[in-house]
Amino acid sequence: MHISEKIKFIRTKILNVSAQKFADMCGVTARTVYAWGSGVSLPCLDNIVAIANTCHASLDYLLIDNHEFELCFPNLDDETFKCISHLTNKMKEENEVNQISNTVE
């Protein structure tokens, strides 16, 4: 997945916010967000860092094609980390079960 697709994915599927809201979060215009999401233009490094910080996404995810989505939460306490890890593993398990059942049908 290319960075433009990743930005659109984060905005629409993870954060579920409008282009204007995402633009406000990242300190750019909505037009810029649309341009990034459609691949018309690419964010500069400062904007990529702003997106990563705003969305808690890793820079590796944003910059490397086909890199799995990773969340970055600096200063996360152990209990919260364990909770998020548990939920993430459950979601992965459900996704795997759904993929298997879709191939059987």
C-alpha atoms as a PDB file:
ATOM      1  CA  MET A   1       0.000   0.000   0.000  1.00  0.00           C
ATOM      2  CA  HIS A   2       1.382   3.398  -1.020  1.00  0.00           C
ATOM      3  CA  ILE A   3       1.551   6.354   1.388  1.00  0.00           C
ATOM      4  CA  SER A   4      -1.408   8.055  -0.312  1.00  0.00           C
ATOM      5  CA  GLU A   5      -3.576   4.983   0.313  1.00  0.00           C
ATOM      6  CA  LYS A   6      -2.314   4.742   3.878  1.00  0.00           C
ATOM      7  CA  ILE A   7      -3.187   8.364   4.621  1.00  0.00           C
ATOM      8  CA  LYS A   8      -6.679   7.881   3.231  1.00  0.00           C
ATOM      9  CA  PHE A   9      -7.041   4.604   5.164  1.00  0.00           C
ATOM     10  CA  ILE A  10      -5.994   6.229   8.450  1.00  0.00           C
ATOM     11  CA  ARG A  11      -8.293   9.198   7.907  1.00  0.00           C
ATOM     12  CA  THR A  12     -11.391   7.317   6.757  1.00  0.00           C
ATOM     13  CA  LYS A  13     -11.168   3.894   8.398  1.00  0.00           C
ATOM     14  CA  ILE A  14      -9.207   4.373  11.600  1.00  0.00           C
ATOM     15  CA  LEU A  15      -9.961   7.932  12.647  1.00  0.00           C
ATOM     16  CA  ASN A  16     -13.222   8.199  10.692  1.00  0.00           C
ATOM     17  CA  VAL A  17     -12.842  11.953  10.262  1.00  0.00           C
ATOM     18  CA  SER A  18     -13.497  14.386   7.421  1.00  0.00           C
ATOM     19  CA  ALA A  19     -10.683  15.753   5.320  1.00  0.00           C
ATOM     20  CA  GLN A  20     -11.155  19.114   7.058  1.00  0.00           C
ATOM     21  CA  LYS A  21     -10.886  17.601  10.535  1.00  0.00           C
ATOM     22  CA  PHE A  22      -7.794  15.609   9.527  1.00  0.00           C
ATOM     23  CA  ALA A  23      -6.314  18.743   7.970  1.00  0.00           C
ATOM     24  CA  ASP A  24      -6.891  20.650  11.204  1.00  0.00           C
ATOM     25  CA  MET A  25      -5.241  17.838  13.157  1.00  0.00           C
ATOM     26  CA  CYS A  26      -2.175  17.917  10.883  1.00  0.00           C
ATOM     27  CA  GLY A  27      -1.948  21.676  10.398  1.00  0.00           C
ATOM     28  CA  VAL A  28      -2.695  21.727   6.655  1.00  0.00           C
ATOM     29  CA  THR A  29      -5.683  22.484   4.418  1.00  0.00           C
ATOM     30  CA  ALA A  30      -8.415  20.033   3.430  1.00  0.00           C
ATOM     31  CA  ARG A  31      -7.327  20.459  -0.180  1.00  0.00           C
ATOM     32  CA  THR A  32      -3.866  19.226   0.794  1.00  0.00           C
ATOM     33  CA  VAL A  33      -5.352  16.181   2.524  1.00  0.00           C
ATOM     34  CA  TYR A  34      -7.391  15.347  -0.606  1.00  0.00           C
ATOM     35  CA  ALA A  35      -4.257  15.713  -2.733  1.00  0.00           C
ATOM     36  CA  TRP A  36      -2.337  13.344  -0.464  1.00  0.00           C
ATOM     37  CA  GLY A  37      -5.151  10.791  -0.373  1.00  0.00           C
ATOM     38  CA  SER A  38      -5.564  10.771  -4.134  1.00  0.00           C
ATOM     39  CA  GLY A  39      -1.833  10.623  -4.832  1.00  0.00           C
ATOM     40  CA  VAL A  40      -1.794  13.994  -6.611  1.00  0.00           C
ATOM     41  CA  SER A  41       0.912  15.153  -4.201  1.00  0.00           C
ATOM     42  CA  LEU A  42       2.916  13.666  -1.376  1.00  0.00           C
ATOM     43  CA  PRO A  43       3.427  15.112   2.084  1.00  0.00           C
ATOM     44  CA  CYS A  44       6.845  16.513   2.937  1.00  0.00           C
ATOM     45  CA  LEU A  45       8.792  14.855   5.729  1.00  0.00           C
ATOM     46  CA  ASP A  46       7.572  17.377   8.313  1.00  0.00           C
ATOM     47  CA  ASN A  47       3.968  16.548   7.397  1.00  0.00           C
ATOM     48  CA  ILE A  48       4.649  12.809   7.475  1.00  0.00           C
ATOM     49  CA  VAL A  49       5.987  13.206  11.011  1.00  0.00           C
ATOM     50  CA  ALA A  50       2.913  15.292  11.922  1.00  0.00           C
ATOM     51  CA  ILE A  51       0.622  12.574  10.524  1.00  0.00           C
ATOM     52  CA  ALA A  52       2.503   9.868  12.438  1.00  0.00           C
ATOM     53  CA  ASN A  53       2.343  11.832  15.686  1.00  0.00           C
ATOM     54  CA  THR A  54      -1.300  12.803  15.246  1.00  0.00           C
ATOM     55  CA  CYS A  55      -2.437   9.285  14.367  1.00  0.00           C
ATOM     56  CA  HIS A  56       0.036   7.345  16.505  1.00  0.00           C
ATOM     57  CA  ALA A  57       1.166   5.497  13.381  1.00  0.00           C
ATOM     58  CA  SER A  58       4.764   4.415  12.941  1.00  0.00           C
ATOM     59  CA  LEU A  59       6.951   6.197  10.411  1.00  0.00           C
ATOM     60  CA  ASP A  60       7.873   2.786   9.007  1.00  0.00           C
ATOM     61  CA  TYR A  61       4.206   2.131   8.229  1.00  0.00           C
ATOM     62  CA  LEU A  62       3.823   5.454   6.457  1.00  0.00           C
ATOM     63  CA  LEU A  63       7.084   5.368   4.517  1.00  0.00           C
ATOM     64  CA  ILE A  64       7.572   1.716   3.571  1.00  0.00           C
ATOM     65  CA  ASP A  65       5.193   0.206   1.015  1.00  0.00           C
ATOM     66  CA  ASN A  66       3.512  -3.010   2.207  1.00  0.00           C
ATOM     67  CA  HIS A  67       4.629  -2.451   5.799  1.00  0.00           C
ATOM     68  CA  GLU A  68       2.036  -3.614   8.320  1.00  0.00           C
ATOM     69  CA  PHE A  69       0.137  -1.007  10.281  1.00  0.00           C
ATOM     70  CA  GLU A  70       1.835  -0.228  13.575  1.00  0.00           C
ATOM     71  CA  LEU A  71       0.677   2.023  16.342  1.00  0.00           C
ATOM     72  CA  CYS A  72       3.176   4.063  18.339  1.00  0.00           C
ATOM     73  CA  PHE A  73       2.313   5.088  21.865  1.00  0.00           C
ATOM     74  CA  PRO A  74       5.286   6.531  23.713  1.00  0.00           C
ATOM     75  CA  ASN A  75       4.879   6.699  27.477  1.00  0.00           C
ATOM     76  CA  LEU A  76       2.275   3.944  27.535  1.00  0.00           C
ATOM     77  CA  ASP A  77       1.972   2.210  30.906  1.00  0.00           C
ATOM     78  CA  ASP A  78       2.286  -1.585  31.112  1.00  0.00           C
ATOM     79  CA  GLU A  79      -1.367  -2.250  31.935  1.00  0.00           C
ATOM     80  CA  THR A  80      -2.645  -0.230  28.980  1.00  0.00           C
ATOM     81  CA  PHE A  81      -0.095  -1.893  26.699  1.00  0.00           C
ATOM     82  CA  LYS A  82      -1.263  -5.345  27.808  1.00  0.00           C
ATOM     83  CA  CYS A  83      -4.891  -4.379  27.168  1.00  0.00           C
ATOM     84  CA  ILE A  84      -4.167  -3.042  23.681  1.00  0.00           C
ATOM     85  CA  SER A  85      -2.036  -6.106  22.856  1.00  0.00           C
ATOM     86  CA  HIS A  86      -4.831  -8.412  23.968  1.00  0.00           C
ATOM     87  CA  LEU A  87      -7.425  -6.576  21.854  1.00  0.00           C
ATOM     88  CA  THR A  88      -5.114  -6.517  18.841  1.00  0.00           C
ATOM     89  CA  ASN A  89      -4.473 -10.262  19.087  1.00  0.00           C
ATOM     90  CA  LYS A  90      -8.215 -10.938  19.335  1.00  0.00           C
ATOM     91  CA  MET A  91      -8.847  -8.832  16.241  1.00  0.00           C
ATOM     92  CA  LYS A  92      -6.118 -10.701  14.339  1.00  0.00           C
ATOM     93  CA  GLU A  93      -7.637 -14.045  15.361  1.00  0.00           C
ATOM     94  CA  GLU A  94     -11.104 -12.939  14.221  1.00  0.00           C
ATOM     95  CA  ASN A  95      -9.687 -11.696  10.937  1.00  0.00           C
ATOM     96  CA  GLU A  96      -7.935 -15.024  10.332  1.00  0.00           C
ATOM     97  CA  VAL A  97     -11.144 -16.964  11.085  1.00  0.00           C
ATOM     98  CA  ASN A  98     -13.110 -14.711   8.705  1.00  0.00           C
ATOM     99  CA  GLN A  99     -10.522 -15.211   5.957  1.00  0.00           C
ATOM    100  CA  ILE A 100     -10.659 -18.987   6.376  1.00  0.00           C
ATOM    101  CA  SER A 101     -14.473 -19.056   6.325  1.00  0.00           C
ATOM    102  CA  ASN A 102     -14.513 -16.855   3.223  1.00  0.00           C
ATOM    103  CA  THR A 103     -12.216 -19.265   1.360  1.00  0.00           C
ATOM    104  CA  VAL A 104     -14.375 -22.267   2.359  1.00  0.00           C
ATOM    105  CA  GLU A 105     -17.594 -20.692   1.043  1.00  0.00           C
END
